[in-house]
N, C-alpha and C. Protein backbone atom coordinates (compact mmCIF):
# COMPACT_ATOMS: atom_id res chain seq x y z
N MET A 1 30.84 44.52 43.73
CA MET A 1 30.71 43.31 44.54
C MET A 1 32.09 42.69 44.72
N GLY A 2 32.47 42.44 45.95
CA GLY A 2 33.78 41.87 46.24
C GLY A 2 33.83 40.37 46.02
N ILE A 3 35.00 39.84 46.19
CA ILE A 3 35.24 38.41 46.05
C ILE A 3 34.86 37.72 47.36
N GLU A 4 34.14 36.61 47.25
CA GLU A 4 33.78 35.81 48.42
C GLU A 4 34.65 34.56 48.45
N ILE A 5 35.35 34.39 49.56
CA ILE A 5 36.16 33.19 49.77
C ILE A 5 35.50 32.38 50.88
N ARG A 6 35.27 31.11 50.59
CA ARG A 6 34.66 30.21 51.58
C ARG A 6 35.65 29.13 51.97
N GLU A 7 35.42 28.59 53.15
CA GLU A 7 36.18 27.41 53.54
C GLU A 7 35.77 26.26 52.62
N TYR A 8 36.63 25.29 52.49
CA TYR A 8 36.38 24.14 51.62
C TYR A 8 35.04 23.49 51.98
N GLU A 9 34.29 23.15 50.95
CA GLU A 9 33.01 22.46 51.12
C GLU A 9 33.11 21.07 50.51
N PRO A 10 32.91 20.02 51.32
CA PRO A 10 33.06 18.65 50.83
C PRO A 10 32.13 18.31 49.66
N GLY A 11 31.09 19.07 49.44
CA GLY A 11 30.17 18.81 48.34
C GLY A 11 30.66 19.29 46.99
N TRP A 12 31.73 20.08 46.96
CA TRP A 12 32.22 20.61 45.68
C TRP A 12 32.59 19.52 44.68
N PRO A 13 33.27 18.46 45.06
CA PRO A 13 33.57 17.42 44.06
C PRO A 13 32.31 16.78 43.46
N ARG A 14 31.27 16.58 44.27
CA ARG A 14 30.01 16.02 43.73
C ARG A 14 29.40 16.98 42.71
N LEU A 15 29.46 18.28 43.01
CA LEU A 15 28.94 19.27 42.06
C LEU A 15 29.73 19.20 40.75
N ALA A 16 31.04 19.05 40.85
CA ALA A 16 31.86 18.97 39.65
C ALA A 16 31.51 17.74 38.82
N VAL A 17 31.28 16.61 39.47
CA VAL A 17 30.88 15.40 38.75
C VAL A 17 29.57 15.63 38.03
N ALA A 18 28.61 16.26 38.68
CA ALA A 18 27.32 16.56 38.05
C ALA A 18 27.51 17.48 36.85
N VAL A 19 28.38 18.46 36.97
CA VAL A 19 28.68 19.37 35.85
C VAL A 19 29.25 18.58 34.68
N ILE A 20 30.21 17.72 34.96
CA ILE A 20 30.85 16.94 33.90
C ILE A 20 29.84 16.00 33.23
N VAL A 21 29.01 15.34 34.01
CA VAL A 21 28.00 14.45 33.43
C VAL A 21 27.06 15.25 32.52
N GLY A 22 26.64 16.42 32.97
CA GLY A 22 25.77 17.25 32.15
C GLY A 22 26.43 17.68 30.85
N LEU A 23 27.71 18.00 30.91
CA LEU A 23 28.44 18.40 29.71
C LEU A 23 28.57 17.22 28.74
N GLU A 24 28.88 16.05 29.27
CA GLU A 24 29.02 14.87 28.41
C GLU A 24 27.69 14.50 27.76
N GLU A 25 26.60 14.70 28.48
CA GLU A 25 25.27 14.44 27.89
C GLU A 25 24.92 15.48 26.83
N ALA A 26 25.31 16.73 27.05
CA ALA A 26 25.01 17.80 26.10
C ALA A 26 25.87 17.72 24.85
N LEU A 27 27.07 17.16 24.99
CA LEU A 27 28.02 17.07 23.87
C LEU A 27 28.48 15.63 23.68
N PRO A 28 27.55 14.72 23.37
CA PRO A 28 27.93 13.31 23.28
C PRO A 28 29.02 13.08 22.23
N GLY A 29 30.04 12.31 22.66
CA GLY A 29 31.12 11.95 21.75
C GLY A 29 32.15 13.05 21.51
N VAL A 30 31.98 14.21 22.13
CA VAL A 30 32.89 15.33 21.88
C VAL A 30 33.99 15.42 22.94
N ILE A 31 33.64 15.23 24.18
CA ILE A 31 34.59 15.40 25.29
C ILE A 31 35.42 14.14 25.44
N ARG A 32 36.75 14.31 25.35
CA ARG A 32 37.67 13.18 25.47
C ARG A 32 38.16 12.99 26.91
N SER A 33 38.32 14.08 27.64
CA SER A 33 38.71 14.04 29.05
C SER A 33 38.05 15.21 29.75
N ALA A 34 37.79 15.04 31.04
CA ALA A 34 37.19 16.12 31.82
C ALA A 34 37.65 15.98 33.26
N GLU A 35 37.99 17.13 33.86
CA GLU A 35 38.45 17.11 35.24
C GLU A 35 38.00 18.36 35.97
N HIS A 36 37.83 18.20 37.25
CA HIS A 36 37.58 19.29 38.19
C HIS A 36 38.93 19.93 38.47
N VAL A 37 39.07 21.21 38.22
CA VAL A 37 40.31 21.95 38.47
C VAL A 37 39.98 23.15 39.35
N GLY A 38 40.95 23.95 39.65
CA GLY A 38 40.71 25.13 40.48
C GLY A 38 40.69 24.77 41.95
N SER A 39 40.55 25.79 42.77
CA SER A 39 40.65 25.61 44.22
C SER A 39 39.57 24.71 44.80
N THR A 40 38.39 24.67 44.19
CA THR A 40 37.33 23.81 44.73
C THR A 40 37.65 22.33 44.54
N SER A 41 38.69 22.02 43.76
CA SER A 41 39.08 20.63 43.55
C SER A 41 40.13 20.15 44.54
N VAL A 42 40.57 21.04 45.43
CA VAL A 42 41.64 20.70 46.37
C VAL A 42 41.07 20.62 47.78
N PRO A 43 40.93 19.41 48.34
CA PRO A 43 40.37 19.28 49.68
C PRO A 43 41.10 20.18 50.69
N GLY A 44 40.31 20.89 51.48
CA GLY A 44 40.85 21.78 52.50
C GLY A 44 41.19 23.17 52.02
N MET A 45 41.10 23.43 50.72
CA MET A 45 41.48 24.72 50.15
C MET A 45 40.31 25.69 50.20
N ALA A 46 40.56 26.86 50.75
CA ALA A 46 39.56 27.93 50.70
C ALA A 46 39.41 28.35 49.24
N ALA A 47 38.19 28.73 48.86
CA ALA A 47 37.96 29.04 47.45
C ALA A 47 36.74 29.92 47.26
N LYS A 48 36.70 30.54 46.08
CA LYS A 48 35.45 31.15 45.65
C LYS A 48 34.50 29.98 45.38
N PRO A 49 33.23 30.13 45.66
CA PRO A 49 32.30 29.02 45.44
C PRO A 49 31.90 28.87 43.97
N VAL A 50 32.90 28.68 43.13
CA VAL A 50 32.71 28.50 41.69
C VAL A 50 33.46 27.23 41.29
N ILE A 51 32.75 26.31 40.66
CA ILE A 51 33.35 25.06 40.21
C ILE A 51 34.04 25.31 38.87
N ASP A 52 35.33 24.99 38.81
CA ASP A 52 36.06 25.07 37.54
C ASP A 52 36.20 23.66 36.99
N VAL A 53 35.79 23.51 35.73
CA VAL A 53 35.92 22.24 35.04
C VAL A 53 36.67 22.49 33.75
N MET A 54 37.62 21.61 33.46
CA MET A 54 38.35 21.68 32.20
C MET A 54 38.03 20.42 31.42
N VAL A 55 37.71 20.61 30.14
CA VAL A 55 37.45 19.47 29.27
C VAL A 55 38.37 19.55 28.06
N ALA A 56 38.76 18.38 27.57
CA ALA A 56 39.59 18.28 26.39
C ALA A 56 38.76 17.73 25.24
N VAL A 57 38.91 18.37 24.10
CA VAL A 57 38.21 17.96 22.88
C VAL A 57 39.23 17.88 21.75
N ASP A 58 38.85 17.17 20.69
CA ASP A 58 39.77 17.06 19.56
C ASP A 58 39.97 18.41 18.87
N GLU A 59 38.88 19.12 18.63
CA GLU A 59 38.93 20.40 17.92
C GLU A 59 37.97 21.38 18.59
N LEU A 60 38.45 22.59 18.87
CA LEU A 60 37.61 23.60 19.52
C LEU A 60 36.41 23.99 18.67
N ASP A 61 36.57 23.98 17.35
CA ASP A 61 35.46 24.42 16.50
C ASP A 61 34.25 23.49 16.58
N VAL A 62 34.47 22.24 16.95
CA VAL A 62 33.33 21.31 17.13
C VAL A 62 32.45 21.81 18.28
N VAL A 63 33.05 22.30 19.34
CA VAL A 63 32.29 22.83 20.47
C VAL A 63 31.61 24.14 20.06
N GLU A 64 32.33 24.99 19.35
CA GLU A 64 31.74 26.25 18.90
C GLU A 64 30.47 26.00 18.08
N LYS A 65 30.51 24.99 17.24
CA LYS A 65 29.36 24.67 16.40
C LYS A 65 28.19 24.11 17.20
N ARG A 66 28.46 23.63 18.42
CA ARG A 66 27.41 23.03 19.25
C ARG A 66 27.15 23.84 20.51
N GLU A 67 27.48 25.13 20.47
CA GLU A 67 27.28 25.97 21.65
C GLU A 67 25.83 26.04 22.09
N GLY A 68 24.90 25.84 21.19
CA GLY A 68 23.49 25.86 21.56
C GLY A 68 23.19 24.84 22.65
N ALA A 69 23.85 23.68 22.58
CA ALA A 69 23.65 22.66 23.62
C ALA A 69 24.15 23.15 24.96
N LEU A 70 25.26 23.89 24.96
CA LEU A 70 25.78 24.45 26.21
C LEU A 70 24.89 25.56 26.72
N GLU A 71 24.36 26.36 25.81
CA GLU A 71 23.47 27.46 26.21
C GLU A 71 22.22 26.94 26.90
N THR A 72 21.73 25.77 26.49
CA THR A 72 20.54 25.22 27.16
C THR A 72 20.83 24.85 28.60
N LEU A 73 22.11 24.63 28.93
CA LEU A 73 22.51 24.34 30.31
C LEU A 73 22.87 25.61 31.08
N GLY A 74 22.79 26.75 30.39
CA GLY A 74 23.09 28.02 31.06
C GLY A 74 24.49 28.55 30.84
N TYR A 75 25.27 27.93 29.97
CA TYR A 75 26.63 28.39 29.71
C TYR A 75 26.62 29.49 28.66
N ARG A 76 27.43 30.50 28.91
CA ARG A 76 27.62 31.60 27.96
C ARG A 76 29.11 31.77 27.75
N ARG A 77 29.51 31.81 26.47
CA ARG A 77 30.94 31.98 26.17
C ARG A 77 31.35 33.41 26.46
N VAL A 78 32.54 33.54 27.02
CA VAL A 78 33.12 34.84 27.34
C VAL A 78 34.49 34.89 26.68
N ASP A 79 34.76 35.97 25.98
CA ASP A 79 36.08 36.14 25.39
C ASP A 79 36.99 36.73 26.45
N VAL A 80 37.86 35.89 27.00
CA VAL A 80 38.78 36.33 28.04
C VAL A 80 40.21 36.47 27.51
N GLY A 81 40.35 36.38 26.20
CA GLY A 81 41.64 36.59 25.57
C GLY A 81 42.65 35.47 25.76
N MET A 82 42.18 34.30 26.15
CA MET A 82 43.10 33.17 26.33
C MET A 82 43.16 32.39 25.01
N PRO A 83 44.36 32.27 24.44
CA PRO A 83 44.48 31.56 23.16
C PRO A 83 44.25 30.06 23.31
N GLU A 84 43.77 29.47 22.25
CA GLU A 84 43.56 28.02 22.18
C GLU A 84 42.72 27.49 23.33
N ARG A 85 41.66 28.23 23.65
CA ARG A 85 40.77 27.85 24.74
C ARG A 85 39.42 28.54 24.51
N LEU A 86 38.37 27.81 24.79
CA LEU A 86 37.04 28.41 24.87
C LEU A 86 36.70 28.48 26.35
N PHE A 87 36.13 29.59 26.76
CA PHE A 87 35.82 29.79 28.18
C PHE A 87 34.36 30.16 28.30
N TYR A 88 33.67 29.45 29.19
CA TYR A 88 32.23 29.67 29.41
C TYR A 88 31.98 29.91 30.89
N ARG A 89 30.96 30.71 31.15
CA ARG A 89 30.48 30.90 32.52
C ARG A 89 29.04 30.42 32.58
N ARG A 90 28.73 29.81 33.71
CA ARG A 90 27.35 29.38 33.97
C ARG A 90 26.88 30.11 35.21
N VAL A 91 25.78 30.82 35.04
CA VAL A 91 25.19 31.58 36.14
C VAL A 91 23.84 30.95 36.47
N ARG A 92 23.58 30.80 37.78
CA ARG A 92 22.28 30.27 38.22
C ARG A 92 21.76 31.21 39.29
N ASP A 93 20.54 31.64 39.13
CA ASP A 93 19.89 32.54 40.09
C ASP A 93 20.76 33.77 40.36
N GLY A 94 21.37 34.28 39.30
CA GLY A 94 22.18 35.49 39.41
C GLY A 94 23.57 35.30 39.96
N GLU A 95 23.96 34.06 40.29
CA GLU A 95 25.29 33.79 40.84
C GLU A 95 26.10 32.92 39.89
N LEU A 96 27.35 33.29 39.72
CA LEU A 96 28.27 32.49 38.93
C LEU A 96 28.51 31.18 39.67
N VAL A 97 28.30 30.06 38.97
CA VAL A 97 28.48 28.77 39.63
C VAL A 97 29.51 27.87 38.97
N VAL A 98 29.78 28.09 37.67
CA VAL A 98 30.72 27.23 36.96
C VAL A 98 31.56 28.06 35.98
N HIS A 99 32.84 27.75 35.94
CA HIS A 99 33.73 28.18 34.86
C HIS A 99 34.03 26.91 34.06
N LEU A 100 33.84 26.97 32.77
CA LEU A 100 34.14 25.84 31.90
C LEU A 100 35.28 26.23 30.96
N HIS A 101 36.37 25.49 31.04
CA HIS A 101 37.54 25.69 30.18
C HIS A 101 37.56 24.55 29.16
N VAL A 102 37.48 24.89 27.88
CA VAL A 102 37.52 23.88 26.83
C VAL A 102 38.85 24.04 26.10
N VAL A 103 39.64 22.97 26.11
CA VAL A 103 40.97 22.98 25.49
C VAL A 103 41.09 21.75 24.59
N THR A 104 42.18 21.68 23.86
CA THR A 104 42.38 20.53 22.98
C THR A 104 43.06 19.38 23.71
N VAL A 105 42.81 18.20 23.22
CA VAL A 105 43.47 17.00 23.74
C VAL A 105 44.98 17.17 23.63
N GLU A 106 45.42 17.78 22.55
CA GLU A 106 46.85 17.98 22.31
C GLU A 106 47.52 18.77 23.43
N SER A 107 46.81 19.74 24.02
CA SER A 107 47.40 20.59 25.07
C SER A 107 47.09 20.11 26.48
N TRP A 108 46.29 19.07 26.61
CA TRP A 108 45.76 18.61 27.90
C TRP A 108 46.85 18.37 28.95
N ALA A 109 47.88 17.65 28.60
CA ALA A 109 48.89 17.24 29.58
C ALA A 109 49.70 18.40 30.15
N THR A 110 49.72 19.52 29.46
CA THR A 110 50.55 20.64 29.91
C THR A 110 49.74 21.84 30.37
N ARG A 111 48.46 21.67 30.60
CA ARG A 111 47.61 22.78 31.04
C ARG A 111 47.95 23.18 32.47
N ASN A 112 48.23 24.45 32.67
CA ASN A 112 48.65 24.95 33.97
C ASN A 112 47.62 24.74 35.07
N GLU A 113 46.35 24.81 34.76
CA GLU A 113 45.32 24.61 35.78
C GLU A 113 45.41 23.21 36.38
N ARG A 114 45.65 22.23 35.54
CA ARG A 114 45.78 20.85 36.01
C ARG A 114 47.07 20.68 36.81
N LEU A 115 48.15 21.28 36.31
CA LEU A 115 49.43 21.18 37.00
C LEU A 115 49.38 21.87 38.36
N LEU A 116 48.74 23.04 38.42
CA LEU A 116 48.62 23.76 39.69
C LEU A 116 47.78 22.95 40.69
N ARG A 117 46.67 22.40 40.24
CA ARG A 117 45.84 21.58 41.13
C ARG A 117 46.65 20.44 41.72
N ASP A 118 47.38 19.73 40.87
CA ASP A 118 48.17 18.59 41.34
C ASP A 118 49.27 19.04 42.31
N HIS A 119 49.86 20.19 42.03
CA HIS A 119 50.88 20.74 42.93
C HIS A 119 50.28 21.03 44.30
N LEU A 120 49.13 21.68 44.30
CA LEU A 120 48.48 22.03 45.57
C LEU A 120 48.06 20.78 46.34
N LEU A 121 47.62 19.76 45.63
CA LEU A 121 47.23 18.51 46.30
C LEU A 121 48.42 17.90 47.04
N GLY A 122 49.63 18.09 46.51
CA GLY A 122 50.80 17.46 47.10
C GLY A 122 51.68 18.37 47.94
N ASN A 123 51.28 19.63 48.14
CA ASN A 123 52.15 20.56 48.84
C ASN A 123 51.35 21.38 49.85
N ALA A 124 51.32 20.93 51.09
CA ALA A 124 50.52 21.58 52.13
C ALA A 124 50.98 23.01 52.41
N GLU A 125 52.28 23.25 52.34
CA GLU A 125 52.79 24.60 52.61
C GLU A 125 52.30 25.60 51.56
N ASP A 126 52.38 25.23 50.30
CA ASP A 126 51.89 26.13 49.24
C ASP A 126 50.38 26.26 49.29
N ARG A 127 49.69 25.17 49.63
CA ARG A 127 48.23 25.21 49.76
C ARG A 127 47.83 26.23 50.83
N ALA A 128 48.52 26.22 51.96
CA ALA A 128 48.23 27.17 53.04
C ALA A 128 48.56 28.60 52.62
N ALA A 129 49.70 28.79 51.95
CA ALA A 129 50.08 30.14 51.50
C ALA A 129 49.08 30.69 50.50
N TYR A 130 48.63 29.84 49.61
CA TYR A 130 47.66 30.26 48.60
C TYR A 130 46.32 30.63 49.26
N GLY A 131 45.89 29.83 50.20
CA GLY A 131 44.65 30.13 50.92
C GLY A 131 44.74 31.46 51.66
N ARG A 132 45.87 31.69 52.34
CA ARG A 132 46.07 32.97 53.04
C ARG A 132 46.02 34.14 52.08
N LEU A 133 46.71 34.03 50.96
CA LEU A 133 46.74 35.12 49.99
C LEU A 133 45.34 35.42 49.46
N LYS A 134 44.59 34.40 49.13
CA LYS A 134 43.24 34.62 48.60
C LYS A 134 42.37 35.34 49.64
N ARG A 135 42.46 34.91 50.89
CA ARG A 135 41.67 35.57 51.94
C ARG A 135 42.09 37.03 52.10
N GLU A 136 43.41 37.30 52.08
CA GLU A 136 43.91 38.67 52.23
C GLU A 136 43.42 39.56 51.09
N LEU A 137 43.50 39.06 49.86
CA LEU A 137 43.06 39.86 48.71
C LEU A 137 41.56 40.13 48.77
N ALA A 138 40.80 39.12 49.14
CA ALA A 138 39.34 39.30 49.25
C ALA A 138 39.00 40.27 50.37
N ALA A 139 39.67 40.14 51.52
CA ALA A 139 39.40 41.01 52.67
C ALA A 139 39.76 42.46 52.36
N ALA A 140 40.75 42.65 51.48
CA ALA A 140 41.16 44.01 51.11
C ALA A 140 40.18 44.64 50.11
N GLY A 141 39.18 43.87 49.70
CA GLY A 141 38.15 44.41 48.81
C GLY A 141 38.50 44.35 47.33
N HIS A 142 39.53 43.57 46.99
CA HIS A 142 39.90 43.46 45.57
C HIS A 142 38.77 42.79 44.79
N GLU A 143 38.51 43.32 43.62
CA GLU A 143 37.51 42.73 42.75
C GLU A 143 38.21 41.86 41.71
N ALA A 144 37.44 41.28 40.81
CA ALA A 144 37.90 40.22 39.91
C ALA A 144 39.30 40.39 39.34
N ASP A 145 39.54 41.43 38.56
CA ASP A 145 40.83 41.56 37.89
C ASP A 145 41.97 41.78 38.89
N ALA A 146 41.77 42.67 39.85
CA ALA A 146 42.82 42.93 40.84
C ALA A 146 43.07 41.70 41.71
N TYR A 147 42.03 40.97 42.04
CA TYR A 147 42.16 39.74 42.81
C TYR A 147 43.01 38.72 42.04
N THR A 148 42.68 38.53 40.77
CA THR A 148 43.41 37.58 39.94
C THR A 148 44.87 38.00 39.79
N ARG A 149 45.09 39.26 39.49
CA ARG A 149 46.47 39.74 39.33
C ARG A 149 47.25 39.65 40.64
N GLY A 150 46.58 39.84 41.75
CA GLY A 150 47.24 39.74 43.05
C GLY A 150 47.74 38.34 43.37
N LYS A 151 47.14 37.34 42.74
CA LYS A 151 47.55 35.95 42.96
C LYS A 151 48.62 35.48 41.98
N THR A 152 48.85 36.26 40.94
CA THR A 152 49.66 35.79 39.82
C THR A 152 51.08 35.39 40.20
N ALA A 153 51.78 36.19 41.01
CA ALA A 153 53.18 35.86 41.33
C ALA A 153 53.28 34.52 42.05
N LEU A 154 52.41 34.28 43.02
CA LEU A 154 52.44 33.00 43.74
C LEU A 154 52.06 31.85 42.82
N ILE A 155 51.03 32.03 42.03
CA ILE A 155 50.62 30.98 41.10
C ILE A 155 51.75 30.69 40.12
N GLN A 156 52.41 31.74 39.62
CA GLN A 156 53.51 31.54 38.67
C GLN A 156 54.61 30.69 39.30
N ARG A 157 54.97 30.99 40.54
CA ARG A 157 56.01 30.23 41.21
C ARG A 157 55.61 28.76 41.39
N MET A 158 54.36 28.54 41.78
CA MET A 158 53.91 27.16 41.99
C MET A 158 53.84 26.39 40.67
N VAL A 159 53.35 27.04 39.63
CA VAL A 159 53.28 26.38 38.32
C VAL A 159 54.68 26.13 37.78
N ASP A 160 55.58 27.09 37.98
CA ASP A 160 56.98 26.87 37.57
C ASP A 160 57.53 25.62 38.25
N ASP A 161 57.28 25.47 39.55
CA ASP A 161 57.74 24.29 40.29
C ASP A 161 57.13 23.01 39.71
N ALA A 162 55.83 23.06 39.43
CA ALA A 162 55.13 21.88 38.90
C ALA A 162 55.65 21.51 37.52
N ARG A 163 55.87 22.51 36.68
CA ARG A 163 56.37 22.25 35.33
C ARG A 163 57.80 21.71 35.38
N ALA A 164 58.63 22.31 36.23
CA ALA A 164 60.02 21.86 36.34
C ALA A 164 60.08 20.40 36.81
N ALA A 165 59.20 20.04 37.75
CA ALA A 165 59.18 18.66 38.26
C ALA A 165 58.83 17.66 37.17
N ARG A 166 58.14 18.11 36.13
CA ARG A 166 57.75 17.24 35.02
C ARG A 166 58.64 17.43 33.78
N GLY A 167 59.66 18.27 33.91
CA GLY A 167 60.56 18.51 32.78
C GLY A 167 59.94 19.37 31.69
N LEU A 168 58.93 20.16 32.06
CA LEU A 168 58.26 21.03 31.09
C LEU A 168 58.87 22.42 31.13
N PRO A 169 58.86 23.12 30.02
CA PRO A 169 59.40 24.49 30.02
C PRO A 169 58.50 25.44 30.78
N ARG A 170 59.08 26.54 31.24
CA ARG A 170 58.33 27.58 31.92
C ARG A 170 57.47 28.33 30.90
N VAL A 171 56.26 28.65 31.30
CA VAL A 171 55.37 29.49 30.49
C VAL A 171 54.68 30.46 31.43
N ASP A 172 54.31 31.61 30.91
CA ASP A 172 53.56 32.56 31.71
C ASP A 172 52.19 32.00 32.04
N VAL A 173 51.76 32.17 33.29
CA VAL A 173 50.41 31.73 33.65
C VAL A 173 49.38 32.75 33.21
N TRP A 174 49.80 33.97 32.97
CA TRP A 174 48.88 35.01 32.52
C TRP A 174 48.76 34.89 31.02
N GLU A 175 47.69 34.21 30.59
CA GLU A 175 47.49 33.98 29.15
C GLU A 175 46.86 35.21 28.52
N GLY A 176 47.18 35.38 27.26
CA GLY A 176 46.50 36.45 26.52
C GLY A 176 47.42 37.44 25.92
């Protein structure tokens, strides 16, 4: 199954808010910050129809101990090899609908997903280039891993720009 890229849908932010509210209800007192990240969080950006949400918690093991609450909402943890992060997928009716990234409060301010989103919000030229690249990779029939790797060089450059603008050191965007 290939990658599906859709034009921006104005309802995506409302879906993200509903996801965040559900997570906060399932994990009361655990989530310190939560934001909609990824391409669906950038108005006008073409994207896979998957809502990415990142939440910050004090300690990852608190979430691990309460995974049953996430499972009742349809979340399943996936080991994607990213250090200092828990990653969950939520599937509904056989379709992936949410990626949940759980990170620590300590790392929140320097998370590349947040920095990339903010960069794209403020840079129309990069937003357009990123949208074109995603469409090209999807049209070429690239599947998940090849699609992601095909975006890496552009994402790295944009994240490098975002980090430099904030005085942060360069880090690889390819975690693991």
